[in-house]
Amino acid sequence: MASNRVISVGPVALTTTLTTNILNCALNSVAGPVGLTLTQPFVILRHIRIVNKTATAATFSLYKGATGANTAGTEVIGTGTSVAANSYFDWYGMLRLESTDYLVGGAGTATALTFQAEGEVGFS
């Protein structure tokens, strides 16, 4: 039985570059001791909060896919979704990211929004 660990991600300031890599859980090396095969981890996001720290509404978009990619059909949360001034947007669910997946995105206004997330990390 897998034993996942609870994680907290961020805060990360969102820029106007909608292809910014926000989260990826791949390890550079999975070399292990003799007789043991290590695997890449996965992440399950359960909560994402986007905080607007400015006095003006701002938008954000998040995508799941390849590094630095935001192609059509990879939108997962908040495609141009507006966050009210001095407020926040909460998402609850279960979004699994494999080691080959990237959570990519950005905002319509430079550094107005901050990304935070909670979830768990485990190994296949």
PDB file of N, CA and C in Angstrom:
ATOM      1  N   MET A   1       0.833  -1.175   0.000  1.00  0.00           N
ATOM      2  CA  MET A   1       0.000   0.000   0.000  1.00  0.00           C
ATOM      3  C   MET A   1       0.883   1.246   0.000  1.00  0.00           C
ATOM      4  N   ALA A   2       0.547   2.189  -0.836  1.00  0.00           N
ATOM      5  CA  ALA A   2       1.323   3.422  -0.936  1.00  0.00           C
ATOM      6  C   ALA A   2       1.059   4.312   0.269  1.00  0.00           C
ATOM      7  N   SER A   3       2.078   5.023   0.660  1.00  0.00           N
ATOM      8  CA  SER A   3       1.955   5.974   1.752  1.00  0.00           C
ATOM      9  C   SER A   3       2.372   7.331   1.225  1.00  0.00           C
ATOM     10  N   ASN A   4       1.410   8.141   0.843  1.00  0.00           N
ATOM     11  CA  ASN A   4       1.692   9.447   0.273  1.00  0.00           C
ATOM     12  C   ASN A   4       1.994  10.456   1.369  1.00  0.00           C
ATOM     13  N   ARG A   5       2.752  11.499   0.997  1.00  0.00           N
ATOM     14  CA  ARG A   5       3.069  12.586   1.923  1.00  0.00           C
ATOM     15  C   ARG A   5       2.320  13.830   1.524  1.00  0.00           C
ATOM     16  N   VAL A   6       1.799  14.521   2.515  1.00  0.00           N
ATOM     17  CA  VAL A   6       1.108  15.792   2.285  1.00  0.00           C
ATOM     18  C   VAL A   6       2.152  16.840   1.921  1.00  0.00           C
ATOM     19  N   ILE A   7       1.832  17.657   0.905  1.00  0.00           N
ATOM     20  CA  ILE A   7       2.753  18.714   0.481  1.00  0.00           C
ATOM     21  C   ILE A   7       2.020  20.043   0.357  1.00  0.00           C
ATOM     22  N   SER A   8       2.790  21.098   0.416  1.00  0.00           N
ATOM     23  CA  SER A   8       2.304  22.451   0.162  1.00  0.00           C
ATOM     24  C   SER A   8       3.202  23.028  -0.923  1.00  0.00           C
ATOM     25  N   VAL A   9       2.603  23.654  -1.916  1.00  0.00           N
ATOM     26  CA  VAL A   9       3.348  24.212  -3.046  1.00  0.00           C
ATOM     27  C   VAL A   9       3.169  25.721  -3.051  1.00  0.00           C
ATOM     28  N   GLY A  10       4.261  26.432  -3.227  1.00  0.00           N
ATOM     29  CA  GLY A  10       4.183  27.884  -3.330  1.00  0.00           C
ATOM     30  C   GLY A  10       4.348  28.555  -1.978  1.00  0.00           C
ATOM     31  N   PRO A  11       4.115  29.838  -1.975  1.00  0.00           N
ATOM     32  CA  PRO A  11       3.501  30.652  -3.018  1.00  0.00           C
ATOM     33  C   PRO A  11       4.438  30.945  -4.194  1.00  0.00           C
ATOM     34  N   VAL A  12       3.820  31.083  -5.375  1.00  0.00           N
ATOM     35  CA  VAL A  12       4.527  31.399  -6.610  1.00  0.00           C
ATOM     36  C   VAL A  12       3.821  32.583  -7.264  1.00  0.00           C
ATOM     37  N   ALA A  13       4.531  33.657  -7.537  1.00  0.00           N
ATOM     38  CA  ALA A  13       3.954  34.808  -8.230  1.00  0.00           C
ATOM     39  C   ALA A  13       3.743  34.442  -9.695  1.00  0.00           C
ATOM     40  N   LEU A  14       2.544  34.661 -10.201  1.00  0.00           N
ATOM     41  CA  LEU A  14       2.238  34.369 -11.605  1.00  0.00           C
ATOM     42  C   LEU A  14       2.616  35.559 -12.468  1.00  0.00           C
ATOM     43  N   THR A  15       3.329  35.288 -13.553  1.00  0.00           N
ATOM     44  CA  THR A  15       3.727  36.344 -14.483  1.00  0.00           C
ATOM     45  C   THR A  15       2.781  36.343 -15.675  1.00  0.00           C
ATOM     46  N   THR A  16       3.023  37.256 -16.599  1.00  0.00           N
ATOM     47  CA  THR A  16       2.175  37.340 -17.793  1.00  0.00           C
ATOM     48  C   THR A  16       2.579  36.323 -18.850  1.00  0.00           C
ATOM     49  N   THR A  17       3.583  35.523 -18.585  1.00  0.00           N
ATOM     50  CA  THR A  17       3.976  34.459 -19.500  1.00  0.00           C
ATOM     51  C   THR A  17       3.129  33.234 -19.195  1.00  0.00           C
ATOM     52  N   LEU A  18       2.158  32.928 -20.046  1.00  0.00           N
ATOM     53  CA  LEU A  18       1.221  31.830 -19.789  1.00  0.00           C
ATOM     54  C   LEU A  18       1.837  30.452 -20.015  1.00  0.00           C
ATOM     55  N   THR A  19       3.125  30.406 -20.351  1.00  0.00           N
ATOM     56  CA  THR A  19       3.815  29.128 -20.544  1.00  0.00           C
ATOM     57  C   THR A  19       4.833  28.872 -19.432  1.00  0.00           C
ATOM     58  N   THR A  20       4.663  29.525 -18.299  1.00  0.00           N
ATOM     59  CA  THR A  20       5.578  29.359 -17.168  1.00  0.00           C
ATOM     60  C   THR A  20       5.318  28.026 -16.468  1.00  0.00           C
ATOM     61  N   ASN A  21       6.367  27.240 -16.267  1.00  0.00           N
ATOM     62  CA  ASN A  21       6.242  26.001 -15.503  1.00  0.00           C
ATOM     63  C   ASN A  21       6.036  26.346 -14.029  1.00  0.00           C
ATOM     64  N   ILE A  22       4.923  25.891 -13.470  1.00  0.00           N
ATOM     65  CA  ILE A  22       4.607  26.168 -12.071  1.00  0.00           C
ATOM     66  C   ILE A  22       4.936  24.970 -11.190  1.00  0.00           C
ATOM     67  N   LEU A  23       4.655  23.757 -11.693  1.00  0.00           N
ATOM     68  CA  LEU A  23       4.878  22.562 -10.881  1.00  0.00           C
ATOM     69  C   LEU A  23       5.198  21.369 -11.766  1.00  0.00           C
ATOM     70  N   ASN A  24       6.224  20.616 -11.360  1.00  0.00           N
ATOM     71  CA  ASN A  24       6.580  19.328 -11.962  1.00  0.00           C
ATOM     72  C   ASN A  24       7.303  18.542 -10.889  1.00  0.00           C
ATOM     73  N   CYS A  25       6.989  17.269 -10.760  1.00  0.00           N
ATOM     74  CA  CYS A  25       7.554  16.481  -9.658  1.00  0.00           C
ATOM     75  C   CYS A  25       8.647  15.513 -10.084  1.00  0.00           C
ATOM     76  N   ALA A  26       9.147  15.589 -11.306  1.00  0.00           N
ATOM     77  CA  ALA A  26      10.162  14.648 -11.771  1.00  0.00           C
ATOM     78  C   ALA A  26      11.457  14.784 -10.980  1.00  0.00           C
ATOM     79  N   LEU A  27      12.090  13.647 -10.732  1.00  0.00           N
ATOM     80  CA  LEU A  27      13.403  13.621 -10.096  1.00  0.00           C
ATOM     81  C   LEU A  27      14.473  13.558 -11.165  1.00  0.00           C
ATOM     82  N   ASN A  28      15.607  14.175 -10.921  1.00  0.00           N
ATOM     83  CA  ASN A  28      16.709  14.124 -11.879  1.00  0.00           C
ATOM     84  C   ASN A  28      17.326  12.737 -11.963  1.00  0.00           C
ATOM     85  N   SER A  29      17.291  12.015 -10.858  1.00  0.00           N
ATOM     86  CA  SER A  29      17.878  10.685 -10.831  1.00  0.00           C
ATOM     87  C   SER A  29      17.044   9.779  -9.943  1.00  0.00           C
ATOM     88  N   VAL A  30      16.817   8.564 -10.405  1.00  0.00           N
ATOM     89  CA  VAL A  30      16.131   7.570  -9.578  1.00  0.00           C
ATOM     90  C   VAL A  30      17.061   6.386  -9.326  1.00  0.00           C
ATOM     91  N   ALA A  31      18.363   6.659  -9.361  1.00  0.00           N
ATOM     92  CA  ALA A  31      19.335   5.611  -9.066  1.00  0.00           C
ATOM     93  C   ALA A  31      19.203   5.217  -7.607  1.00  0.00           C
ATOM     94  N   GLY A  32      19.202   3.951  -7.344  1.00  0.00           N
ATOM     95  CA  GLY A  32      19.035   3.483  -5.979  1.00  0.00           C
ATOM     96  C   GLY A  32      20.021   2.391  -5.640  1.00  0.00           C
ATOM     97  N   PRO A  33      19.848   1.809  -4.490  1.00  0.00           N
ATOM     98  CA  PRO A  33      20.747   0.733  -4.084  1.00  0.00           C
ATOM     99  C   PRO A  33      20.570  -0.503  -4.967  1.00  0.00           C
ATOM    100  N   VAL A  34      21.559  -1.370  -4.954  1.00  0.00           N
ATOM    101  CA  VAL A  34      21.509  -2.601  -5.733  1.00  0.00           C
ATOM    102  C   VAL A  34      20.301  -3.424  -5.296  1.00  0.00           C
ATOM    103  N   GLY A  35      19.560  -3.911  -6.276  1.00  0.00           N
ATOM    104  CA  GLY A  35      18.413  -4.762  -5.989  1.00  0.00           C
ATOM    105  C   GLY A  35      17.106  -4.019  -5.758  1.00  0.00           C
ATOM    106  N   LEU A  36      17.128  -2.695  -5.891  1.00  0.00           N
ATOM    107  CA  LEU A  36      15.918  -1.903  -5.684  1.00  0.00           C
ATOM    108  C   LEU A  36      15.733  -0.975  -6.876  1.00  0.00           C
ATOM    109  N   THR A  37      14.563  -1.001  -7.483  1.00  0.00           N
ATOM    110  CA  THR A  37      14.255  -0.122  -8.593  1.00  0.00           C
ATOM    111  C   THR A  37      13.366   1.008  -8.089  1.00  0.00           C
ATOM    112  N   LEU A  38      13.882   2.216  -8.124  1.00  0.00           N
ATOM    113  CA  LEU A  38      13.111   3.375  -7.695  1.00  0.00           C
ATOM    114  C   LEU A  38      12.252   3.878  -8.854  1.00  0.00           C
ATOM    115  N   THR A  39      11.147   4.537  -8.537  1.00  0.00           N
ATOM    116  CA  THR A  39      10.248   5.065  -9.557  1.00  0.00           C
ATOM    117  C   THR A  39      10.104   6.573  -9.400  1.00  0.00           C
ATOM    118  N   GLN A  40       9.626   7.210 -10.450  1.00  0.00           N
ATOM    119  CA  GLN A  40       9.356   8.640 -10.405  1.00  0.00           C
ATOM    120  C   GLN A  40       8.109   8.886  -9.542  1.00  0.00           C
ATOM    121  N   PRO A  41       8.042  10.032  -8.882  1.00  0.00           N
ATOM    122  CA  PRO A  41       6.866  10.346  -8.063  1.00  0.00           C
ATOM    123  C   PRO A  41       5.705  10.870  -8.898  1.00  0.00           C
ATOM    124  N   PHE A  42       4.565  10.992  -8.259  1.00  0.00           N
ATOM    125  CA  PHE A  42       3.403  11.679  -8.825  1.00  0.00           C
ATOM    126  C   PHE A  42       2.875  12.616  -7.758  1.00  0.00           C
ATOM    127  N   VAL A  43       2.112  13.620  -8.181  1.00  0.00           N
ATOM    128  CA  VAL A  43       1.504  14.577  -7.260  1.00  0.00           C
ATOM    129  C   VAL A  43       0.000  14.553  -7.486  1.00  0.00           C
ATOM    130  N   ILE A  44      -0.757  14.601  -6.409  1.00  0.00           N
ATOM    131  CA  ILE A  44      -2.202  14.775  -6.489  1.00  0.00           C
ATOM    132  C   ILE A  44      -2.530  16.098  -5.810  1.00  0.00           C
ATOM    133  N   LEU A  45      -2.962  17.077  -6.600  1.00  0.00           N
ATOM    134  CA  LEU A  45      -3.372  18.366  -6.043  1.00  0.00           C
ATOM    135  C   LEU A  45      -4.835  18.274  -5.611  1.00  0.00           C
ATOM    136  N   ARG A  46      -5.119  18.718  -4.418  1.00  0.00           N
ATOM    137  CA  ARG A  46      -6.475  18.691  -3.870  1.00  0.00           C
ATOM    138  C   ARG A  46      -7.053  20.090  -3.672  1.00  0.00           C
ATOM    139  N   HIS A  47      -6.180  21.088  -3.597  1.00  0.00           N
ATOM    140  CA  HIS A  47      -6.641  22.461  -3.400  1.00  0.00           C
ATOM    141  C   HIS A  47      -5.649  23.413  -4.060  1.00  0.00           C
ATOM    142  N   ILE A  48      -6.172  24.347  -4.810  1.00  0.00           N
ATOM    143  CA  ILE A  48      -5.370  25.421  -5.388  1.00  0.00           C
ATOM    144  C   ILE A  48      -6.023  26.736  -4.994  1.00  0.00           C
ATOM    145  N   ARG A  49      -5.214  27.676  -4.555  1.00  0.00           N
ATOM    146  CA  ARG A  49      -5.713  29.020  -4.243  1.00  0.00           C
ATOM    147  C   ARG A  49      -4.902  30.024  -5.051  1.00  0.00           C
ATOM    148  N   ILE A  50      -5.615  30.901  -5.743  1.00  0.00           N
ATOM    149  CA  ILE A  50      -5.001  32.005  -6.470  1.00  0.00           C
ATOM    150  C   ILE A  50      -5.390  33.279  -5.724  1.00  0.00           C
ATOM    151  N   VAL A  51      -4.411  34.000  -5.212  1.00  0.00           N
ATOM    152  CA  VAL A  51      -4.643  35.203  -4.410  1.00  0.00           C
ATOM    153  C   VAL A  51      -4.328  36.436  -5.236  1.00  0.00           C
ATOM    154  N   ASN A  52      -5.256  37.396  -5.239  1.00  0.00           N
ATOM    155  CA  ASN A  52      -5.037  38.683  -5.905  1.00  0.00           C
ATOM    156  C   ASN A  52      -4.658  39.694  -4.838  1.00  0.00           C
ATOM    157  N   LYS A  53      -3.434  40.191  -4.917  1.00  0.00           N
ATOM    158  CA  LYS A  53      -2.938  41.134  -3.909  1.00  0.00           C
ATOM    159  C   LYS A  53      -3.070  42.589  -4.336  1.00  0.00           C
ATOM    160  N   THR A  54      -3.768  42.832  -5.443  1.00  0.00           N
ATOM    161  CA  THR A  54      -3.887  44.201  -5.959  1.00  0.00           C
ATOM    162  C   THR A  54      -5.316  44.725  -5.811  1.00  0.00           C
ATOM    163  N   ALA A  55      -5.486  46.000  -6.105  1.00  0.00           N
ATOM    164  CA  ALA A  55      -6.786  46.657  -6.013  1.00  0.00           C
ATOM    165  C   ALA A  55      -7.556  46.595  -7.328  1.00  0.00           C
ATOM    166  N   THR A  56      -7.114  45.744  -8.261  1.00  0.00           N
ATOM    167  CA  THR A  56      -7.758  45.582  -9.559  1.00  0.00           C
ATOM    168  C   THR A  56      -7.935  44.097  -9.850  1.00  0.00           C
ATOM    169  N   ALA A  57      -9.045  43.721 -10.452  1.00  0.00           N
ATOM    170  CA  ALA A  57      -9.269  42.323 -10.834  1.00  0.00           C
ATOM    171  C   ALA A  57      -8.183  41.880 -11.812  1.00  0.00           C
ATOM    172  N   ALA A  58      -7.822  40.604 -11.741  1.00  0.00           N
ATOM    173  CA  ALA A  58      -6.801  40.047 -12.636  1.00  0.00           C
ATOM    174  C   ALA A  58      -7.229  38.633 -13.030  1.00  0.00           C
ATOM    175  N   THR A  59      -6.758  38.164 -14.190  1.00  0.00           N
ATOM    176  CA  THR A  59      -7.139  36.842 -14.692  1.00  0.00           C
ATOM    177  C   THR A  59      -5.952  35.882 -14.643  1.00  0.00           C
ATOM    178  N   PHE A  60      -6.291  34.568 -14.631  1.00  0.00           N
ATOM    179  CA  PHE A  60      -5.255  33.536 -14.668  1.00  0.00           C
ATOM    180  C   PHE A  60      -5.728  32.372 -15.512  1.00  0.00           C
ATOM    181  N   SER A  61      -4.775  31.560 -15.955  1.00  0.00           N
ATOM    182  CA  SER A  61      -5.044  30.342 -16.708  1.00  0.00           C
ATOM    183  C   SER A  61      -4.021  29.292 -16.300  1.00  0.00           C
ATOM    184  N   LEU A  62      -4.485  28.045 -16.128  1.00  0.00           N
ATOM    185  CA  LEU A  62      -3.597  26.930 -15.791  1.00  0.00           C
ATOM    186  C   LEU A  62      -3.811  25.794 -16.782  1.00  0.00           C
ATOM    187  N   TYR A  63      -2.714  25.141 -17.180  1.00  0.00           N
ATOM    188  CA  TYR A  63      -2.728  24.074 -18.172  1.00  0.00           C
ATOM    189  C   TYR A  63      -1.970  22.871 -17.628  1.00  0.00           C
ATOM    190  N   LYS A  64      -2.335  21.682 -18.081  1.00  0.00           N
ATOM    191  CA  LYS A  64      -1.618  20.454 -17.728  1.00  0.00           C
ATOM    192  C   LYS A  64      -1.067  19.873 -19.019  1.00  0.00           C
ATOM    193  N   GLY A  65       0.248  19.699 -19.063  1.00  0.00           N
ATOM    194  CA  GLY A  65       0.830  19.146 -20.281  1.00  0.00           C
ATOM    195  C   GLY A  65       2.333  19.151 -20.247  1.00  0.00           C
ATOM    196  N   ALA A  66       2.917  19.426 -21.392  1.00  0.00           N
ATOM    197  CA  ALA A  66       4.369  19.408 -21.543  1.00  0.00           C
ATOM    198  C   ALA A  66       4.982  20.675 -20.957  1.00  0.00           C
ATOM    199  N   THR A  67       6.279  20.634 -20.748  1.00  0.00           N
ATOM    200  CA  THR A  67       6.986  21.793 -20.214  1.00  0.00           C
ATOM    201  C   THR A  67       6.797  23.016 -21.105  1.00  0.00           C
ATOM    202  N   GLY A  68       6.428  24.127 -20.498  1.00  0.00           N
ATOM    203  CA  GLY A  68       6.274  25.377 -21.228  1.00  0.00           C
ATOM    204  C   GLY A  68       5.198  25.368 -22.295  1.00  0.00           C
ATOM    205  N   ALA A  69       4.194  24.496 -22.185  1.00  0.00           N
ATOM    206  CA  ALA A  69       3.163  24.393 -23.222  1.00  0.00           C
ATOM    207  C   ALA A  69       1.791  24.752 -22.680  1.00  0.00           C
ATOM    208  N   ASN A  70       1.027  25.446 -23.487  1.00  0.00           N
ATOM    209  CA  ASN A  70      -0.358  25.757 -23.133  1.00  0.00           C
ATOM    210  C   ASN A  70      -1.241  25.626 -24.377  1.00  0.00           C
ATOM    211  N   THR A  71      -1.142  24.489 -25.029  1.00  0.00           N
ATOM    212  CA  THR A  71      -1.870  24.262 -26.271  1.00  0.00           C
ATOM    213  C   THR A  71      -3.351  24.024 -26.007  1.00  0.00           C
ATOM    214  N   ALA A  72      -4.151  24.244 -27.031  1.00  0.00           N
ATOM    215  CA  ALA A  72      -5.598  24.034 -26.930  1.00  0.00           C
ATOM    216  C   ALA A  72      -5.881  22.606 -26.503  1.00  0.00           C
ATOM    217  N   GLY A  73      -6.804  22.468 -25.576  1.00  0.00           N
ATOM    218  CA  GLY A  73      -7.181  21.162 -25.072  1.00  0.00           C
ATOM    219  C   GLY A  73      -6.442  20.755 -23.809  1.00  0.00           C
ATOM    220  N   THR A  74      -5.472  21.562 -23.356  1.00  0.00           N
ATOM    221  CA  THR A  74      -4.743  21.232 -22.131  1.00  0.00           C
ATOM    222  C   THR A  74      -5.141  22.118 -20.953  1.00  0.00           C
ATOM    223  N   GLU A  75      -6.164  22.946 -21.152  1.00  0.00           N
ATOM    224  CA  GLU A  75      -6.642  23.807 -20.084  1.00  0.00           C
ATOM    225  C   GLU A  75      -7.219  22.940 -18.970  1.00  0.00           C
ATOM    226  N   VAL A  76      -6.857  23.232 -17.715  1.00  0.00           N
ATOM    227  CA  VAL A  76      -7.409  22.444 -16.608  1.00  0.00           C
ATOM    228  C   VAL A  76      -8.168  23.289 -15.606  1.00  0.00           C
ATOM    229  N   ILE A  77      -7.667  24.460 -15.280  1.00  0.00           N
ATOM    230  CA  ILE A  77      -8.316  25.294 -14.271  1.00  0.00           C
ATOM    231  C   ILE A  77      -8.167  26.749 -14.675  1.00  0.00           C
ATOM    232  N   GLY A  78      -9.255  27.480 -14.673  1.00  0.00           N
ATOM    233  CA  GLY A  78      -9.207  28.922 -14.839  1.00  0.00           C
ATOM    234  C   GLY A  78      -8.704  29.431 -16.161  1.00  0.00           C
ATOM    235  N   THR A  79      -9.385  29.173 -17.232  1.00  0.00           N
ATOM    236  CA  THR A  79      -8.994  29.729 -18.526  1.00  0.00           C
ATOM    237  C   THR A  79      -9.478  31.175 -18.597  1.00  0.00           C
ATOM    238  N   GLY A  80      -8.575  32.107 -18.311  1.00  0.00           N
ATOM    239  CA  GLY A  80      -8.940  33.523 -18.281  1.00  0.00           C
ATOM    240  C   GLY A  80      -9.898  33.863 -17.162  1.00  0.00           C
ATOM    241  N   THR A  81      -9.855  33.107 -16.083  1.00  0.00           N
ATOM    242  CA  THR A  81     -10.763  33.316 -14.951  1.00  0.00           C
ATOM    243  C   THR A  81     -10.333  34.538 -14.152  1.00  0.00           C
ATOM    244  N   SER A  82     -11.292  35.396 -13.835  1.00  0.00           N
ATOM    245  CA  SER A  82     -11.026  36.635 -13.122  1.00  0.00           C
ATOM    246  C   SER A  82     -11.052  36.414 -11.608  1.00  0.00           C
ATOM    247  N   VAL A  83     -10.076  37.012 -10.944  1.00  0.00           N
ATOM    248  CA  VAL A  83     -10.025  37.012  -9.484  1.00  0.00           C
ATOM    249  C   VAL A  83     -10.236  38.456  -9.043  1.00  0.00           C
ATOM    250  N   ALA A  84     -11.246  38.675  -8.236  1.00  0.00           N
ATOM    251  CA  ALA A  84     -11.595  40.025  -7.803  1.00  0.00           C
ATOM    252  C   ALA A  84     -10.444  40.695  -7.056  1.00  0.00           C
ATOM    253  N   ALA A  85     -10.463  42.003  -7.043  1.00  0.00           N
ATOM    254  CA  ALA A  85      -9.434  42.779  -6.345  1.00  0.00           C
ATOM    255  C   ALA A  85      -9.361  42.378  -4.877  1.00  0.00           C
ATOM    256  N   ASN A  86      -8.146  42.245  -4.357  1.00  0.00           N
ATOM    257  CA  ASN A  86      -7.918  41.903  -2.945  1.00  0.00           C
ATOM    258  C   ASN A  86      -8.739  40.707  -2.495  1.00  0.00           C
ATOM    259  N   SER A  87      -8.826  39.696  -3.352  1.00  0.00           N
ATOM    260  CA  SER A  87      -9.629  38.518  -3.058  1.00  0.00           C
ATOM    261  C   SER A  87      -8.858  37.270  -3.477  1.00  0.00           C
ATOM    262  N   TYR A  88      -9.568  36.150  -3.598  1.00  0.00           N
ATOM    263  CA  TYR A  88      -8.921  34.893  -3.967  1.00  0.00           C
ATOM    264  C   TYR A  88      -9.903  33.981  -4.692  1.00  0.00           C
ATOM    265  N   PHE A  89      -9.354  33.008  -5.396  1.00  0.00           N
ATOM    266  CA  PHE A  89     -10.107  31.967  -6.087  1.00  0.00           C
ATOM    267  C   PHE A  89      -9.647  30.636  -5.512  1.00  0.00           C
ATOM    268  N   ASP A  90     -10.583  29.795  -5.088  1.00  0.00           N
ATOM    269  CA  ASP A  90     -10.262  28.474  -4.570  1.00  0.00           C
ATOM    270  C   ASP A  90     -10.774  27.398  -5.503  1.00  0.00           C
ATOM    271  N   TRP A  91      -9.949  26.390  -5.748  1.00  0.00           N
ATOM    272  CA  TRP A  91     -10.335  25.201  -6.504  1.00  0.00           C
ATOM    273  C   TRP A  91     -10.100  23.990  -5.622  1.00  0.00           C
ATOM    274  N   TYR A  92     -11.095  23.100  -5.565  1.00  0.00           N
ATOM    275  CA  TYR A  92     -10.968  21.840  -4.831  1.00  0.00           C
ATOM    276  C   TYR A  92     -11.259  20.696  -5.787  1.00  0.00           C
ATOM    277  N   GLY A  93     -10.484  19.647  -5.714  1.00  0.00           N
ATOM    278  CA  GLY A  93     -10.687  18.500  -6.585  1.00  0.00           C
ATOM    279  C   GLY A  93      -9.561  17.514  -6.408  1.00  0.00           C
ATOM    280  N   MET A  94      -9.290  16.737  -7.450  1.00  0.00           N
ATOM    281  CA  MET A  94      -8.171  15.791  -7.462  1.00  0.00           C
ATOM    282  C   MET A  94      -7.532  15.847  -8.844  1.00  0.00           C
ATOM    283  N   LEU A  95      -6.407  16.506  -8.934  1.00  0.00           N
ATOM    284  CA  LEU A  95      -5.679  16.628 -10.189  1.00  0.00           C
ATOM    285  C   LEU A  95      -4.355  15.893 -10.035  1.00  0.00           C
ATOM    286  N   ARG A  96      -4.212  14.765 -10.743  1.00  0.00           N
ATOM    287  CA  ARG A  96      -2.985  13.968 -10.659  1.00  0.00           C
ATOM    288  C   ARG A  96      -2.007  14.423 -11.731  1.00  0.00           C
ATOM    289  N   LEU A  97      -0.771  14.651 -11.314  1.00  0.00           N
ATOM    290  CA  LEU A  97       0.306  15.034 -12.218  1.00  0.00           C
ATOM    291  C   LEU A  97       1.390  13.977 -12.135  1.00  0.00           C
ATOM    292  N   GLU A  98       1.639  13.312 -13.251  1.00  0.00           N
ATOM    293  CA  GLU A  98       2.727  12.338 -13.321  1.00  0.00           C
ATOM    294  C   GLU A  98       4.051  13.091 -13.435  1.00  0.00           C
ATOM    295  N   SER A  99       5.155  12.386 -13.343  1.00  0.00           N
ATOM    296  CA  SER A  99       6.462  13.030 -13.445  1.00  0.00           C
ATOM    297  C   SER A  99       6.683  13.666 -14.815  1.00  0.00           C
ATOM    298  N   THR A 100       5.921  13.229 -15.811  1.00  0.00           N
ATOM    299  CA  THR A 100       6.043  13.784 -17.164  1.00  0.00           C
ATOM    300  C   THR A 100       5.089  14.956 -17.398  1.00  0.00           C
ATOM    301  N   ASP A 101       4.232  15.243 -16.429  1.00  0.00           N
ATOM    302  CA  ASP A 101       3.261  16.337 -16.548  1.00  0.00           C
ATOM    303  C   ASP A 101       3.788  17.604 -15.893  1.00  0.00           C
ATOM    304  N   TYR A 102       3.426  18.719 -16.492  1.00  0.00           N
ATOM    305  CA  TYR A 102       3.748  20.029 -15.928  1.00  0.00           C
ATOM    306  C   TYR A 102       2.454  20.788 -15.713  1.00  0.00           C
ATOM    307  N   LEU A 103       2.347  21.491 -14.602  1.00  0.00           N
ATOM    308  CA  LEU A 103       1.283  22.466 -14.417  1.00  0.00           C
ATOM    309  C   LEU A 103       1.877  23.786 -14.879  1.00  0.00           C
ATOM    310  N   VAL A 104       1.293  24.348 -15.916  1.00  0.00           N
ATOM    311  CA  VAL A 104       1.829  25.522 -16.600  1.00  0.00           C
ATOM    312  C   VAL A 104       0.777  26.615 -16.562  1.00  0.00           C
ATOM    313  N   GLY A 105       1.188  27.862 -16.515  1.00  0.00           N
ATOM    314  CA  GLY A 105       0.198  28.934 -16.568  1.00  0.00           C
ATOM    315  C   GLY A 105       0.777  30.292 -16.271  1.00  0.00           C
ATOM    316  N   GLY A 106      -0.141  31.226 -16.045  1.00  0.00           N
ATOM    317  CA  GLY A 106       0.249  32.598 -15.766  1.00  0.00           C
ATOM    318  C   GLY A 106      -0.981  33.453 -15.557  1.00  0.00           C
ATOM    319  N   ALA A 107      -0.742  34.759 -15.536  1.00  0.00           N
ATOM    320  CA  ALA A 107      -1.797  35.732 -15.257  1.00  0.00           C
ATOM    321  C   ALA A 107      -1.849  36.784 -16.353  1.00  0.00           C
ATOM    322  N   GLY A 108      -2.943  37.524 -16.361  1.00  0.00           N
ATOM    323  CA  GLY A 108      -3.095  38.613 -17.317  1.00  0.00           C
ATOM    324  C   GLY A 108      -2.390  39.877 -16.876  1.00  0.00           C
ATOM    325  N   THR A 109      -2.016  39.942 -15.598  1.00  0.00           N
ATOM    326  CA  THR A 109      -1.337  41.106 -15.034  1.00  0.00           C
ATOM    327  C   THR A 109      -0.094  40.618 -14.292  1.00  0.00           C
ATOM    328  N   ALA A 110       1.049  41.180 -14.578  1.00  0.00           N
ATOM    329  CA  ALA A 110       2.312  40.709 -13.993  1.00  0.00           C
ATOM    330  C   ALA A 110       2.307  40.778 -12.475  1.00  0.00           C
ATOM    331  N   THR A 111       2.575  39.673 -11.843  1.00  0.00           N
ATOM    332  CA  THR A 111       2.730  39.480 -10.393  1.00  0.00           C
ATOM    333  C   THR A 111       1.569  39.988  -9.533  1.00  0.00           C
ATOM    334  N   ALA A 112       0.384  40.159 -10.126  1.00  0.00           N
ATOM    335  CA  ALA A 112      -0.784  40.536  -9.325  1.00  0.00           C
ATOM    336  C   ALA A 112      -1.325  39.329  -8.568  1.00  0.00           C
ATOM    337  N   LEU A 113      -1.127  38.133  -9.139  1.00  0.00           N
ATOM    338  CA  LEU A 113      -1.691  36.915  -8.565  1.00  0.00           C
ATOM    339  C   LEU A 113      -0.606  35.990  -8.035  1.00  0.00           C
ATOM    340  N   THR A 114      -0.938  35.285  -6.967  1.00  0.00           N
ATOM    341  CA  THR A 114      -0.028  34.326  -6.356  1.00  0.00           C
ATOM    342  C   THR A 114      -0.695  32.963  -6.319  1.00  0.00           C
ATOM    343  N   PHE A 115       0.040  31.932  -6.730  1.00  0.00           N
ATOM    344  CA  PHE A 115      -0.420  30.540  -6.766  1.00  0.00           C
ATOM    345  C   PHE A 115       0.032  29.829  -5.494  1.00  0.00           C
ATOM    346  N   GLN A 116      -0.877  29.093  -4.877  1.00  0.00           N
ATOM    347  CA  GLN A 116      -0.580  28.228  -3.749  1.00  0.00           C
ATOM    348  C   GLN A 116      -1.372  26.939  -3.938  1.00  0.00           C
ATOM    349  N   ALA A 117      -0.849  25.822  -3.447  1.00  0.00           N
ATOM    350  CA  ALA A 117      -1.575  24.552  -3.592  1.00  0.00           C
ATOM    351  C   ALA A 117      -1.231  23.599  -2.454  1.00  0.00           C
ATOM    352  N   GLU A 118      -2.145  22.681  -2.195  1.00  0.00           N
ATOM    353  CA  GLU A 118      -1.916  21.610  -1.245  1.00  0.00           C
ATOM    354  C   GLU A 118      -2.320  20.316  -1.918  1.00  0.00           C
ATOM    355  N   GLY A 119      -1.644  19.257  -1.526  1.00  0.00           N
ATOM    356  CA  GLY A 119      -1.954  17.939  -2.077  1.00  0.00           C
ATOM    357  C   GLY A 119      -1.087  16.896  -1.439  1.00  0.00           C
ATOM    358  N   GLU A 120      -0.705  15.916  -2.230  1.00  0.00           N
ATOM    359  CA  GLU A 120       0.155  14.848  -1.736  1.00  0.00           C
ATOM    360  C   GLU A 120       1.069  14.348  -2.838  1.00  0.00           C
ATOM    361  N   VAL A 121       2.171  13.784  -2.425  1.00  0.00           N
ATOM    362  CA  VAL A 121       3.126  13.202  -3.366  1.00  0.00           C
ATOM    363  C   VAL A 121       3.302  11.737  -2.991  1.00  0.00           C
ATOM    364  N   GLY A 122       3.403  10.912  -4.019  1.00  0.00           N
ATOM    365  CA  GLY A 122       3.577   9.478  -3.803  1.00  0.00           C
ATOM    366  C   GLY A 122       4.407   8.873  -4.907  1.00  0.00           C
ATOM    367  N   PHE A 123       4.654   7.567  -4.803  1.00  0.00           N
ATOM    368  CA  PHE A 123       5.418   6.846  -5.805  1.00  0.00           C
ATOM    369  C   PHE A 123       4.585   5.709  -6.364  1.00  0.00           C
ATOM    370  N   SER A 124       4.663   5.500  -7.669  1.00  0.00           N
ATOM    371  CA  SER A 124       3.876   4.458  -8.335  1.00  0.00           C
ATOM    372  C   SER A 124       4.350   3.090  -7.909  1.00  0.00           C
TER     373      SER A 124
END
